[in-house]
Amino acid sequence: MISHNFQRRIRRLCRSLEKTEFDAVLIQNPANLRYFIDDSRPCLLLIITTNGDVFIFAPITDVSEVKRQTQHEVISFKAELDMYQRIKNLLEDLRVLKIGVEKSYMNASMFERYQSKILPPPFKISDATSVISKLRQIKSTDEIECIKRACSIADQSMKVGIDFIDEGKTEIEVAGEIEYSMRRHGIESLGSPTYVSSGPRTALAHGLATSRKIRKGDIVIISISPSIQGYCAELCRMTTVGRPKPEVKKAYAAYAKGLSRCIKSAKEGATLANVEDTFADSILKSGYRNKFIRPLLHGIGLDHSETPIPPGHTEVEDAPDVRLLENMVLGVGNCGLYFPKFGVRIEDTILVTKKRGVELTKYGRSLV
């Protein structure tokens, strides 16, 4: 197990909160719970005040275990309404009124409930998503080590999957073989589902594995995201059962070329938009206009897809001029090239350094 300095993370959060209107943040997103207290069970709720006070709300069934894992105060509850009443009582006692919440994690109904019923005026509820997500963008040495381990498992398990592919095997069988390999190597969970698509199904942007049997001449695309201590890797490769058709080879070469240029350009100081445009421009110059979907890259860490993310993403938008910093980790190659009867996709996990992006996933990109 790799140890992380959670107290340092909490201190960094407090310093960030001092620059805002917030008196405290209320955290429920499992990824953020893991980031600050190393406990991602979904039934927990965490409050951190600007002064550095930390309170964990846990169901009475889990209190003993939570207490063994933390030095912070743990407050038990028996039911959801009981938890919310205890939260309100605590904040009133602390005289904390301006509360930041993870609006991007909540649905609209829940956010409205916080404002009108759970913590009504004089409490003021506002979105603090960006405050927390910015803290997570630059990875520590320990975080990078976790991601590297996940990437190593991705490389090994991708080989297992590609070696297993044969005529008559189903996509589900291939996915199962890969997931079994990842589990054997020690992953705790998956950052995203294991995607295996074959033949015409490779034209889907998200080809979940089905019972379709792989046939001679098929393209097969595999996308995997193993997770170690919560930290994700991302790796996507494609292969063919038999010789690839000329149009497939041409599209694959164009995408691989764009990916290589993108990785090289992902250095400290480069804007995220320019790095993505390096990829897109390369594809356009190869003649594949309107054949790809953005974003072509995104941050990766405790979430499979997290900030920094280029403009236009459906969940989170960063400013167009957001600049890459050393030790950010990105998934590059997201989405792919798509045609009526087939698709092309290659994706890697990379580390931003002062000089260029460095591949953390190392499985070869040759089209077999």
Protein backbone atom coordinates (compact mmCIF):
# COMPACT_ATOMS: atom_id res chain seq x y z
CA MET A 1 0.00 0.00 0.00
CA ILE A 2 1.21 3.48 -0.88
CA SER A 3 0.65 6.04 1.91
CA HIS A 4 -0.63 9.56 1.24
CA ASN A 5 -0.35 12.73 3.31
CA PHE A 6 -4.03 13.44 3.96
CA GLN A 7 -3.35 16.17 6.52
CA ARG A 8 -1.41 18.12 3.90
CA ARG A 9 -4.35 17.86 1.53
CA ILE A 10 -6.72 19.19 4.20
CA ARG A 11 -4.37 22.10 4.93
CA ARG A 12 -4.22 22.93 1.20
CA LEU A 13 -8.02 22.89 1.07
CA CYS A 14 -8.23 25.24 4.07
CA ARG A 15 -5.83 27.68 2.43
CA SER A 16 -7.97 27.59 -0.72
CA LEU A 17 -11.16 28.16 1.30
CA GLU A 18 -9.64 31.25 2.90
CA LYS A 19 -9.64 32.85 -0.55
CA THR A 20 -13.38 32.20 -0.99
CA GLU A 21 -16.57 33.13 0.82
CA PHE A 22 -16.96 29.62 2.26
CA ASP A 23 -16.81 28.86 5.98
CA ALA A 24 -16.80 25.10 5.29
CA VAL A 25 -17.30 22.48 2.60
CA LEU A 26 -19.62 19.50 2.72
CA ILE A 27 -18.24 16.50 0.81
CA GLN A 28 -20.08 13.38 -0.38
CA ASN A 29 -18.39 12.43 -3.66
CA PRO A 30 -16.59 9.11 -2.96
CA ALA A 31 -13.51 10.25 -4.93
CA ASN A 32 -13.20 13.39 -2.81
CA LEU A 33 -13.81 11.42 0.39
CA ARG A 34 -10.92 9.19 -0.60
CA TYR A 35 -8.74 12.19 -1.40
CA PHE A 36 -9.16 13.75 2.03
CA ILE A 37 -9.77 10.84 4.45
CA ASP A 38 -8.93 7.65 2.47
CA ASP A 39 -12.43 6.26 2.89
CA SER A 40 -14.68 6.25 -0.15
CA ARG A 41 -17.71 4.36 1.12
CA PRO A 42 -20.74 6.16 -0.34
CA CYS A 43 -22.65 6.40 2.95
CA LEU A 44 -20.19 8.87 4.49
CA LEU A 45 -20.41 12.64 4.61
CA LEU A 46 -17.47 14.90 5.41
CA ILE A 47 -17.36 18.48 6.68
CA ILE A 48 -14.12 20.48 6.64
CA THR A 49 -14.15 24.05 7.97
CA THR A 50 -11.87 26.89 6.95
CA ASN A 51 -10.26 26.58 10.41
CA GLY A 52 -9.28 22.99 9.68
CA ASP A 53 -11.94 21.25 11.79
CA VAL A 54 -12.89 17.87 10.31
CA PHE A 55 -16.07 15.93 11.02
CA ILE A 56 -17.08 12.59 9.49
CA PHE A 57 -20.72 11.50 9.54
CA ALA A 58 -21.09 7.70 9.35
CA PRO A 59 -23.98 5.24 9.72
CA ILE A 60 -24.03 3.66 13.17
CA THR A 61 -23.21 0.27 11.60
CA ASP A 62 -19.89 1.57 10.24
CA VAL A 63 -18.75 3.88 13.06
CA SER A 64 -16.30 1.46 14.72
CA GLU A 65 -14.52 0.70 11.46
CA VAL A 66 -14.42 4.35 10.40
CA LYS A 67 -12.93 5.34 13.77
CA ARG A 68 -10.16 2.75 13.37
CA GLN A 69 -9.16 4.39 10.09
CA THR A 70 -9.18 8.05 11.13
CA GLN A 71 -8.07 10.47 13.81
CA HIS A 72 -10.95 12.85 13.07
CA GLU A 73 -14.20 13.14 14.98
CA VAL A 74 -16.83 10.65 13.80
CA ILE A 75 -20.52 11.41 14.31
CA SER A 76 -22.95 8.52 13.96
CA PHE A 77 -26.45 8.58 12.49
CA LYS A 78 -29.25 6.02 12.27
CA ALA A 79 -31.05 7.30 9.17
CA GLU A 80 -30.64 9.90 6.47
CA LEU A 81 -32.94 12.46 8.10
CA ASP A 82 -31.08 11.96 11.37
CA MET A 83 -27.79 12.67 9.58
CA TYR A 84 -29.06 15.91 8.06
CA GLN A 85 -30.39 17.11 11.41
CA ARG A 86 -27.05 16.38 13.08
CA ILE A 87 -25.24 18.25 10.29
CA LYS A 88 -27.49 21.27 10.81
CA ASN A 89 -26.99 21.17 14.59
CA LEU A 90 -23.21 20.96 14.20
CA LEU A 91 -23.02 23.88 11.76
CA GLU A 92 -25.25 25.98 14.02
CA ASP A 93 -22.99 25.23 17.00
CA LEU A 94 -19.92 26.18 14.95
CA ARG A 95 -21.68 29.30 13.63
CA VAL A 96 -20.78 28.24 10.13
CA LEU A 97 -23.26 29.63 7.61
CA LYS A 98 -21.59 29.76 4.18
CA ILE A 99 -21.35 26.17 2.97
CA GLY A 100 -19.74 24.89 -0.21
CA VAL A 101 -21.11 21.68 -1.74
CA GLU A 102 -20.21 19.51 -4.75
CA LYS A 103 -22.99 20.65 -7.05
CA SER A 104 -21.61 18.64 -9.98
CA TYR A 105 -21.99 15.46 -7.89
CA MET A 106 -25.56 16.21 -6.81
CA ASN A 107 -28.65 16.14 -8.95
CA ALA A 108 -30.65 19.37 -9.21
CA SER A 109 -33.29 18.10 -6.81
CA MET A 110 -30.75 17.37 -4.07
CA PHE A 111 -29.11 20.77 -4.42
CA GLU A 112 -32.51 22.44 -4.06
CA ARG A 113 -33.28 20.33 -0.99
CA TYR A 114 -30.07 21.52 0.65
CA GLN A 115 -31.00 25.13 -0.02
CA SER A 116 -34.66 24.93 1.00
CA LYS A 117 -34.98 22.15 3.60
CA ILE A 118 -31.72 20.66 4.86
CA LEU A 119 -29.80 23.92 5.37
CA PRO A 120 -32.29 26.73 4.69
CA PRO A 121 -31.52 30.43 5.33
CA PRO A 122 -29.64 31.87 7.14
CA PHE A 123 -27.36 29.14 5.70
CA LYS A 124 -26.02 29.96 2.26
CA ILE A 125 -25.33 26.99 -0.02
CA SER A 126 -23.06 27.45 -3.05
CA ASP A 127 -21.06 25.29 -5.44
CA ALA A 128 -17.48 24.50 -4.35
CA THR A 129 -16.73 21.86 -7.01
CA SER A 130 -13.96 23.88 -8.65
CA VAL A 131 -12.20 24.57 -5.34
CA ILE A 132 -11.76 20.84 -4.71
CA SER A 133 -11.14 19.74 -8.31
CA LYS A 134 -8.27 22.22 -8.72
CA LEU A 135 -6.53 20.72 -5.68
CA ARG A 136 -6.65 17.29 -7.31
CA GLN A 137 -5.25 18.35 -10.70
CA ILE A 138 -1.56 18.23 -9.78
CA LYS A 139 -0.59 14.78 -8.56
CA SER A 140 1.85 14.08 -5.73
CA THR A 141 4.69 11.57 -6.03
CA ASP A 142 2.57 9.01 -4.17
CA GLU A 143 -0.42 9.56 -6.44
CA ILE A 144 1.74 9.19 -9.54
CA GLU A 145 3.12 5.93 -8.17
CA CYS A 146 -0.42 4.56 -7.75
CA ILE A 147 -1.28 5.57 -11.31
CA LYS A 148 1.92 3.98 -12.61
CA ARG A 149 0.99 0.70 -10.92
CA ALA A 150 -2.48 0.85 -12.45
CA CYS A 151 -0.89 1.53 -15.86
CA SER A 152 1.42 -1.46 -15.49
CA ILE A 153 -1.57 -3.69 -14.77
CA ALA A 154 -3.37 -2.20 -17.77
CA ASP A 155 -0.40 -3.08 -20.01
CA GLN A 156 -0.23 -6.67 -18.74
CA SER A 157 -3.97 -7.24 -18.95
CA MET A 158 -4.26 -5.71 -22.41
CA LYS A 159 -1.77 -8.32 -23.64
CA VAL A 160 -3.87 -11.05 -22.01
CA GLY A 161 -6.98 -9.77 -23.77
CA ILE A 162 -5.43 -9.39 -27.21
CA ASP A 163 -3.77 -12.83 -26.98
CA PHE A 164 -7.15 -14.33 -26.04
CA ILE A 165 -9.00 -12.90 -29.06
CA ASP A 166 -9.95 -15.47 -31.67
CA GLU A 167 -12.76 -16.33 -34.06
CA GLY A 168 -15.82 -17.54 -32.19
CA LYS A 169 -14.96 -15.85 -28.88
CA THR A 170 -17.56 -13.38 -27.67
CA GLU A 171 -16.84 -9.81 -26.65
CA ILE A 172 -18.03 -10.67 -23.14
CA GLU A 173 -15.54 -13.54 -22.93
CA VAL A 174 -12.70 -11.21 -23.91
CA ALA A 175 -13.80 -8.63 -21.32
CA GLY A 176 -14.04 -11.34 -18.67
CA GLU A 177 -10.53 -12.61 -19.40
CA ILE A 178 -9.14 -9.08 -19.10
CA GLU A 179 -11.01 -8.29 -15.89
CA TYR A 180 -9.89 -11.56 -14.32
CA SER A 181 -6.30 -10.69 -15.20
CA MET A 182 -6.64 -7.22 -13.66
CA ARG A 183 -8.12 -8.68 -10.48
CA ARG A 184 -5.33 -11.25 -10.25
CA HIS A 185 -2.84 -8.40 -10.40
CA GLY A 186 -4.49 -6.67 -7.46
CA ILE A 187 -6.87 -3.98 -8.71
CA GLU A 188 -9.63 -2.95 -6.32
CA SER A 189 -12.09 -1.62 -8.85
CA LEU A 190 -12.57 -0.30 -12.37
CA GLY A 191 -12.47 3.37 -13.24
CA SER A 192 -14.95 2.69 -16.05
CA PRO A 193 -16.57 -0.39 -17.61
CA THR A 194 -14.38 -2.65 -19.73
CA TYR A 195 -15.24 -1.90 -23.35
CA VAL A 196 -14.83 -4.58 -26.00
CA SER A 197 -16.35 -3.98 -29.42
CA SER A 198 -15.84 -5.90 -32.64
CA GLY A 199 -16.71 -5.60 -36.32
CA PRO A 200 -19.31 -2.91 -37.08
CA ARG A 201 -19.76 -2.27 -33.34
CA THR A 202 -16.36 -0.52 -33.31
CA ALA A 203 -18.22 2.43 -34.90
CA LEU A 204 -19.77 3.02 -31.46
CA ALA A 205 -18.05 5.57 -29.23
CA HIS A 206 -18.72 3.39 -26.18
CA GLY A 207 -18.91 -0.22 -27.22
CA LEU A 208 -19.79 -2.21 -24.12
CA ALA A 209 -19.05 -5.92 -24.45
CA THR A 210 -21.89 -8.03 -25.83
CA SER A 211 -22.50 -11.66 -26.75
CA ARG A 212 -21.49 -10.93 -30.35
CA LYS A 213 -19.00 -13.52 -31.60
CA ILE A 214 -15.78 -12.25 -33.13
CA ARG A 215 -15.38 -13.12 -36.80
CA LYS A 216 -12.50 -13.38 -39.23
CA GLY A 217 -11.60 -9.94 -40.60
CA ASP A 218 -13.06 -8.09 -37.60
CA ILE A 219 -11.48 -5.09 -35.94
CA VAL A 220 -11.57 -5.41 -32.15
CA ILE A 221 -11.26 -2.38 -29.85
CA ILE A 222 -10.52 -2.83 -26.15
CA SER A 223 -10.63 0.01 -23.60
CA ILE A 224 -9.77 -0.68 -19.94
CA SER A 225 -9.40 1.35 -16.76
CA PRO A 226 -7.93 -0.54 -13.77
CA SER A 227 -7.77 1.26 -10.42
CA ILE A 228 -5.18 0.97 -7.63
CA GLN A 229 -6.04 2.59 -4.28
CA GLY A 230 -8.68 4.55 -6.16
CA TYR A 231 -6.31 5.88 -8.85
CA CYS A 232 -7.18 5.03 -12.44
CA ALA A 233 -5.26 4.25 -15.58
CA GLU A 234 -6.69 4.37 -19.07
CA LEU A 235 -5.57 2.24 -22.00
CA CYS A 236 -7.27 1.59 -25.33
CA ARG A 237 -5.90 -0.55 -28.17
CA MET A 238 -7.24 -2.17 -31.28
CA THR A 239 -6.33 -5.24 -33.22
CA THR A 240 -7.66 -7.21 -36.17
CA VAL A 241 -8.52 -10.85 -36.70
CA GLY A 242 -6.70 -11.31 -39.94
CA ARG A 243 -5.33 -8.61 -42.22
CA PRO A 244 -6.69 -5.08 -41.72
CA LYS A 245 -8.30 -3.45 -44.74
CA PRO A 246 -6.41 -0.53 -46.36
CA GLU A 247 -8.95 2.06 -45.13
CA VAL A 248 -8.54 0.77 -41.58
CA LYS A 249 -4.75 0.92 -41.75
CA LYS A 250 -4.87 4.46 -43.14
CA ALA A 251 -7.25 5.75 -40.46
CA TYR A 252 -5.30 3.99 -37.73
CA ALA A 253 -1.99 5.51 -38.90
CA ALA A 254 -3.56 8.98 -38.94
CA TYR A 255 -4.93 8.61 -35.43
CA ALA A 256 -1.65 7.20 -34.08
CA LYS A 257 0.25 10.10 -35.65
CA GLY A 258 -2.08 12.66 -34.08
CA LEU A 259 -1.82 10.93 -30.70
CA SER A 260 1.99 10.98 -30.79
CA ARG A 261 2.02 14.69 -31.63
CA CYS A 262 -0.49 15.40 -28.87
CA ILE A 263 1.60 13.57 -26.27
CA LYS A 264 4.75 15.39 -27.32
CA SER A 265 3.00 18.78 -27.00
CA ALA A 266 1.57 18.09 -23.51
CA LYS A 267 4.27 19.92 -21.57
CA GLU A 268 4.12 22.39 -18.72
CA GLY A 269 2.91 25.81 -19.86
CA ALA A 270 1.00 24.57 -22.90
CA THR A 271 -2.69 25.42 -22.90
CA LEU A 272 -5.06 22.50 -22.77
CA ALA A 273 -6.91 23.80 -25.82
CA ASN A 274 -3.70 24.00 -27.86
CA VAL A 275 -2.69 20.45 -26.91
CA GLU A 276 -6.09 19.18 -28.02
CA ASP A 277 -5.87 21.25 -31.22
CA THR A 278 -2.48 19.68 -31.99
CA PHE A 279 -4.25 16.31 -32.03
CA ALA A 280 -7.28 17.57 -33.96
CA ASP A 281 -5.24 19.47 -36.57
CA SER A 282 -3.15 16.40 -37.30
CA ILE A 283 -6.30 14.35 -37.90
CA LEU A 284 -7.84 17.07 -40.08
CA LYS A 285 -4.69 17.29 -42.22
CA SER A 286 -5.00 13.55 -42.80
CA GLY A 287 -8.40 14.15 -44.37
CA TYR A 288 -10.70 13.03 -41.55
CA ARG A 289 -12.91 16.06 -41.02
CA ASN A 290 -16.10 15.39 -39.04
CA LYS A 291 -14.93 11.87 -38.17
CA PHE A 292 -14.01 12.47 -34.51
CA ILE A 293 -15.69 13.68 -31.33
CA ARG A 294 -14.20 15.98 -28.72
CA PRO A 295 -12.81 16.11 -26.10
CA LEU A 296 -9.74 14.21 -27.26
CA LEU A 297 -8.17 14.27 -23.79
CA HIS A 298 -9.06 14.75 -20.13
CA GLY A 299 -7.57 14.61 -16.66
CA ILE A 300 -7.36 11.26 -14.89
CA GLY A 301 -6.81 10.32 -11.25
CA LEU A 302 -9.32 9.30 -8.60
CA ASP A 303 -11.94 9.73 -11.30
CA HIS A 304 -11.61 8.14 -14.70
CA SER A 305 -12.43 11.52 -16.22
CA GLU A 306 -11.69 14.65 -14.19
CA THR A 307 -10.31 18.16 -14.59
CA PRO A 308 -8.47 19.50 -16.46
CA ILE A 309 -10.89 19.00 -19.34
CA PRO A 310 -10.98 21.06 -22.57
CA PRO A 311 -13.97 23.30 -23.35
CA GLY A 312 -17.04 21.52 -24.66
CA HIS A 313 -17.15 18.60 -22.22
CA THR A 314 -20.68 17.71 -21.19
CA GLU A 315 -19.98 17.49 -17.44
CA VAL A 316 -17.25 19.96 -16.55
CA GLU A 317 -15.86 22.89 -18.50
CA ASP A 318 -12.52 24.58 -17.89
CA ALA A 319 -11.52 27.93 -19.36
CA PRO A 320 -9.98 27.65 -22.86
CA ASP A 321 -6.70 29.08 -21.60
CA VAL A 322 -6.16 26.63 -18.71
CA ARG A 323 -2.45 25.80 -18.69
CA LEU A 324 -0.90 22.42 -18.06
CA LEU A 325 1.34 22.10 -15.03
CA GLU A 326 4.01 19.55 -14.23
CA ASN A 327 2.64 16.34 -12.69
CA MET A 328 -0.83 16.63 -14.13
CA VAL A 329 -1.96 13.25 -15.50
CA LEU A 330 -4.05 13.01 -18.66
CA GLY A 331 -5.91 10.39 -20.64
CA VAL A 332 -5.19 11.19 -24.32
CA GLY A 333 -6.87 9.69 -27.37
CA ASN A 334 -10.38 9.88 -25.96
CA CYS A 335 -13.22 9.14 -28.41
CA GLY A 336 -11.59 8.08 -31.74
CA LEU A 337 -12.34 8.17 -35.47
CA TYR A 338 -15.73 6.83 -36.52
CA PHE A 339 -17.01 5.64 -39.89
CA PRO A 340 -20.28 3.93 -40.91
CA LYS A 341 -18.84 0.41 -40.67
CA PHE A 342 -15.89 0.70 -38.29
CA GLY A 343 -14.07 2.86 -35.76
CA VAL A 344 -10.46 3.54 -34.75
CA ARG A 345 -9.34 4.34 -31.23
CA ILE A 346 -6.06 4.39 -29.29
CA GLU A 347 -5.72 5.88 -25.82
CA ASP A 348 -2.93 6.26 -23.29
CA THR A 349 -2.33 7.66 -19.83
CA ILE A 350 0.40 10.30 -19.78
CA LEU A 351 2.26 12.45 -17.26
CA VAL A 352 2.84 16.16 -17.98
CA THR A 353 6.50 17.14 -17.50
CA LYS A 354 8.45 20.32 -18.20
CA LYS A 355 9.58 19.09 -21.64
CA ARG A 356 6.77 16.86 -22.98
CA GLY A 357 4.10 14.34 -22.10
CA VAL A 358 5.48 11.00 -20.93
CA GLU A 359 3.55 7.78 -21.54
CA LEU A 360 2.70 5.87 -18.36
CA THR A 361 0.90 3.14 -20.31
CA LYS A 362 3.47 1.43 -22.49
CA TYR A 363 1.64 -1.26 -24.44
CA GLY A 364 2.73 -1.12 -28.10
CA ARG A 365 0.60 0.77 -30.62
CA SER A 366 1.25 -1.40 -33.66
CA LEU A 367 -1.89 -2.64 -35.40
CA VAL A 368 -1.58 -6.42 -35.24
